Structure formats: structure tokens, C-alpha cells
């Protein structure tokens, strides 16, 4: 499974999805083994209010599609973003805290 999550300080999972500065995309095997981990500086925190209505969600959707993401894990996400991800058949895991790599392994296995 391919998961994506915001990365905060010291490798912790970030609280805000749509305003993340950095995200990680991880490929997790069925047994929870980390097969791949890549971090991206997406700058969604500074891009959040730029552009017209819907452009920020479209920016995030494009990133997720480009990376084949199947699940997003975050501390928080707004209802509009949750709705968009549901329409894209991307599952969400919210209200999560802790080490991002540990969380990826925990929620990324099939």
C-alpha cells in the first residue's frame, strides 16, 4: 500500500494535511515492512491561499495521483479535503500522533 502523510518536526507526523510543508510517501508491504520512503517539500503551507477556489485541492489531488497514493494519514484534515479524498477512493486515517515511519508501518500494511 502507498501512504502519504505530513511530516513535522523530528520525524513526527504533522498535524495539518492541507497546510503541510513536507510530506512523505511510503510504500508498505502487506506485513507492515517499509519498502520505500521518500520525503517531498510540497510547501502547501505557503500555497494554501494562492490561486482561485479549488486550486489548492486540485494541487494536492494531482500530487496524490502522480504518486499512486492509496491512503492519507494525518493529525488533522478539513471536511472538504476528506470529501475530495473519498471521491478519489483514497482512505484517510486521522487524529494520529507519533513517529511518522512507525505510523506508516502501522496503518500502511494490508
C-alpha atoms as a PDB file:
ATOM      1  CA  UNK A   1       0.000   0.000   0.000  1.00  0.00           C
ATOM      2  CA  UNK A   2       1.189   3.524  -0.738  1.00  0.00           C
ATOM      3  CA  UNK A   3       0.542   6.004   2.060  1.00  0.00           C
ATOM      4  CA  UNK A   4       1.201   9.718   2.325  1.00  0.00           C
ATOM      5  CA  UNK A   5       1.458  11.854   5.447  1.00  0.00           C
ATOM      6  CA  UNK A   6       2.574  15.319   6.523  1.00  0.00           C
ATOM      7  CA  UNK A   7       5.954  15.361   8.247  1.00  0.00           C
ATOM      8  CA  UNK A   8       6.515  17.651  11.202  1.00  0.00           C
ATOM      9  CA  UNK A   9       9.472  18.284  13.451  1.00  0.00           C
ATOM     10  CA  UNK A  10      11.805  15.455  14.435  1.00  0.00           C
ATOM     11  CA  UNK A  11      10.156  12.962  12.084  1.00  0.00           C
ATOM     12  CA  UNK A  12       6.781  13.184  13.793  1.00  0.00           C
ATOM     13  CA  UNK A  13       3.556  13.027  11.813  1.00  0.00           C
ATOM     14  CA  UNK A  14       2.321  16.530  11.064  1.00  0.00           C
ATOM     15  CA  UNK A  15      -0.956  17.869  12.336  1.00  0.00           C
ATOM     16  CA  UNK A  16      -2.282  19.697   9.283  1.00  0.00           C
ATOM     17  CA  UNK A  17      -2.613  17.917   5.952  1.00  0.00           C
ATOM     18  CA  UNK A  18      -3.607  20.753   3.598  1.00  0.00           C
ATOM     19  CA  UNK A  19      -1.063  23.136   5.113  1.00  0.00           C
ATOM     20  CA  UNK A  20       1.870  20.710   5.245  1.00  0.00           C
ATOM     21  CA  UNK A  21       5.307  21.993   4.352  1.00  0.00           C
ATOM     22  CA  UNK A  22       6.730  18.496   3.811  1.00  0.00           C
ATOM     23  CA  UNK A  23       5.065  15.149   3.152  1.00  0.00           C
ATOM     24  CA  UNK A  24       6.342  11.600   2.944  1.00  0.00           C
ATOM     25  CA  UNK A  25       5.186   8.931   0.540  1.00  0.00           C
ATOM     26  CA  UNK A  26       5.828   5.398   1.771  1.00  0.00           C
ATOM     27  CA  UNK A  27       5.275   2.019   0.170  1.00  0.00           C
ATOM     28  CA  UNK A  28       4.392  -0.543   2.826  1.00  0.00           C
ATOM     29  CA  UNK A  29       4.263  -4.302   2.314  1.00  0.00           C
ATOM     30  CA  UNK A  30       1.358  -6.471   3.488  1.00  0.00           C
ATOM     31  CA  UNK A  31       3.369  -7.444   6.561  1.00  0.00           C
ATOM     32  CA  UNK A  32       3.980  -3.795   7.518  1.00  0.00           C
ATOM     33  CA  UNK A  33       7.530  -3.757   6.157  1.00  0.00           C
ATOM     34  CA  UNK A  34       8.731  -0.361   4.882  1.00  0.00           C
ATOM     35  CA  UNK A  35       9.646  -0.911   1.225  1.00  0.00           C
ATOM     36  CA  UNK A  36      10.242   2.730   0.277  1.00  0.00           C
ATOM     37  CA  UNK A  37      10.183   6.162   1.966  1.00  0.00           C
ATOM     38  CA  UNK A  38      10.521   9.476   0.127  1.00  0.00           C
ATOM     39  CA  UNK A  39      10.034  12.968   1.551  1.00  0.00           C
ATOM     40  CA  UNK A  40       8.867  15.886  -0.586  1.00  0.00           C
ATOM     41  CA  UNK A  41       8.916  19.626   0.209  1.00  0.00           C
ATOM     42  CA  UNK A  42       5.415  20.444  -1.101  1.00  0.00           C
ATOM     43  CA  UNK A  43       5.064  23.903   0.532  1.00  0.00           C
ATOM     44  CA  UNK A  44       1.286  23.547   0.843  1.00  0.00           C
ATOM     45  CA  UNK A  45       1.529  25.835   3.886  1.00  0.00           C
ATOM     46  CA  UNK A  46       2.524  28.795   1.706  1.00  0.00           C
ATOM     47  CA  UNK A  47       0.497  27.724  -1.353  1.00  0.00           C
ATOM     48  CA  UNK A  48      -2.755  27.162   0.588  1.00  0.00           C
ATOM     49  CA  UNK A  49      -4.306  30.572  -0.118  1.00  0.00           C
ATOM     50  CA  UNK A  50      -2.795  31.108  -3.559  1.00  0.00           C
ATOM     51  CA  UNK A  51      -4.904  30.787  -6.685  1.00  0.00           C
ATOM     52  CA  UNK A  52      -8.634  30.594  -7.202  1.00  0.00           C
ATOM     53  CA  UNK A  53     -11.190  28.433  -5.472  1.00  0.00           C
ATOM     54  CA  UNK A  54     -10.429  24.757  -5.772  1.00  0.00           C
ATOM     55  CA  UNK A  55      -6.860  25.172  -6.988  1.00  0.00           C
ATOM     56  CA  UNK A  56      -5.303  24.032  -3.725  1.00  0.00           C
ATOM     57  CA  UNK A  57      -7.371  20.834  -3.611  1.00  0.00           C
ATOM     58  CA  UNK A  58      -6.501  20.228  -7.267  1.00  0.00           C
ATOM     59  CA  UNK A  59      -2.795  20.699  -6.487  1.00  0.00           C
ATOM     60  CA  UNK A  60      -2.986  18.102  -3.718  1.00  0.00           C
ATOM     61  CA  UNK A  61      -5.076  15.711  -5.819  1.00  0.00           C
ATOM     62  CA  UNK A  62      -2.519  15.871  -8.636  1.00  0.00           C
ATOM     63  CA  UNK A  63       0.326  15.075  -6.216  1.00  0.00           C
ATOM     64  CA  UNK A  64      -1.561  12.079  -4.812  1.00  0.00           C
ATOM     65  CA  UNK A  65      -2.433  10.738  -8.270  1.00  0.00           C
ATOM     66  CA  UNK A  66       1.130  11.226  -9.516  1.00  0.00           C
ATOM     67  CA  UNK A  67       2.426   9.120  -6.619  1.00  0.00           C
ATOM     68  CA  UNK A  68      -0.287   6.430  -6.613  1.00  0.00           C
ATOM     69  CA  UNK A  69      -1.323   7.194  -3.027  1.00  0.00           C
ATOM     70  CA  UNK A  70      -3.989   4.877  -1.589  1.00  0.00           C
ATOM     71  CA  UNK A  71      -4.210   6.222   1.984  1.00  0.00           C
ATOM     72  CA  UNK A  72      -3.535   9.572   3.651  1.00  0.00           C
ATOM     73  CA  UNK A  73      -2.596   9.639   7.329  1.00  0.00           C
ATOM     74  CA  UNK A  74      -2.666  12.909   9.273  1.00  0.00           C
ATOM     75  CA  UNK A  75      -3.295  14.530  12.598  1.00  0.00           C
ATOM     76  CA  UNK A  76      -5.995  16.771  11.092  1.00  0.00           C
ATOM     77  CA  UNK A  77      -7.797  17.361   7.810  1.00  0.00           C
ATOM     78  CA  UNK A  78     -10.711  19.600   6.910  1.00  0.00           C
ATOM     79  CA  UNK A  79     -14.053  18.111   5.832  1.00  0.00           C
ATOM     80  CA  UNK A  80     -13.701  19.392   2.262  1.00  0.00           C
ATOM     81  CA  UNK A  81     -10.428  17.547   1.837  1.00  0.00           C
ATOM     82  CA  UNK A  82     -11.853  14.373   3.404  1.00  0.00           C
ATOM     83  CA  UNK A  83     -14.730  14.539   0.911  1.00  0.00           C
ATOM     84  CA  UNK A  84     -12.362  15.017  -2.031  1.00  0.00           C
ATOM     85  CA  UNK A  85     -10.227  12.046  -0.976  1.00  0.00           C
ATOM     86  CA  UNK A  86     -13.320   9.865  -0.573  1.00  0.00           C
ATOM     87  CA  UNK A  87     -14.300  10.736  -4.163  1.00  0.00           C
ATOM     88  CA  UNK A  88     -10.784   9.721  -5.246  1.00  0.00           C
ATOM     89  CA  UNK A  89     -11.133   6.377  -3.378  1.00  0.00           C
ATOM     90  CA  UNK A  90      -8.258   7.330  -1.077  1.00  0.00           C
ATOM     91  CA  UNK A  91      -8.838   6.266   2.517  1.00  0.00           C
ATOM     92  CA  UNK A  92      -7.920   8.506   5.428  1.00  0.00           C
ATOM     93  CA  UNK A  93      -6.646   7.878   8.937  1.00  0.00           C
ATOM     94  CA  UNK A  94      -6.952  10.974  11.138  1.00  0.00           C
ATOM     95  CA  UNK A  95      -6.182  12.091  14.686  1.00  0.00           C
ATOM     96  CA  UNK A  96      -2.858  10.243  14.619  1.00  0.00           C
ATOM     97  CA  UNK A  97       0.239  11.290  16.572  1.00  0.00           C
ATOM     98  CA  UNK A  98       3.728   9.819  16.786  1.00  0.00           C
ATOM     99  CA  UNK A  99       6.763   8.864  14.736  1.00  0.00           C
ATOM    100  CA  UNK A 100       5.816   9.105  11.050  1.00  0.00           C
ATOM    101  CA  UNK A 101       7.687   5.966   9.979  1.00  0.00           C
ATOM    102  CA  UNK A 102       6.126   3.920  12.770  1.00  0.00           C
ATOM    103  CA  UNK A 103       2.667   5.258  11.884  1.00  0.00           C
ATOM    104  CA  UNK A 104       3.222   4.443   8.181  1.00  0.00           C
ATOM    105  CA  UNK A 105       4.084   0.848   9.042  1.00  0.00           C
ATOM    106  CA  UNK A 106       1.131   0.581  11.430  1.00  0.00           C
ATOM    107  CA  UNK A 107      -1.523   1.902   9.010  1.00  0.00           C
ATOM    108  CA  UNK A 108       0.075   1.018   5.673  1.00  0.00           C
ATOM    109  CA  UNK A 109       0.022  -2.772   5.809  1.00  0.00           C
ATOM    110  CA  UNK A 110      -2.812  -4.546   4.062  1.00  0.00           C
END
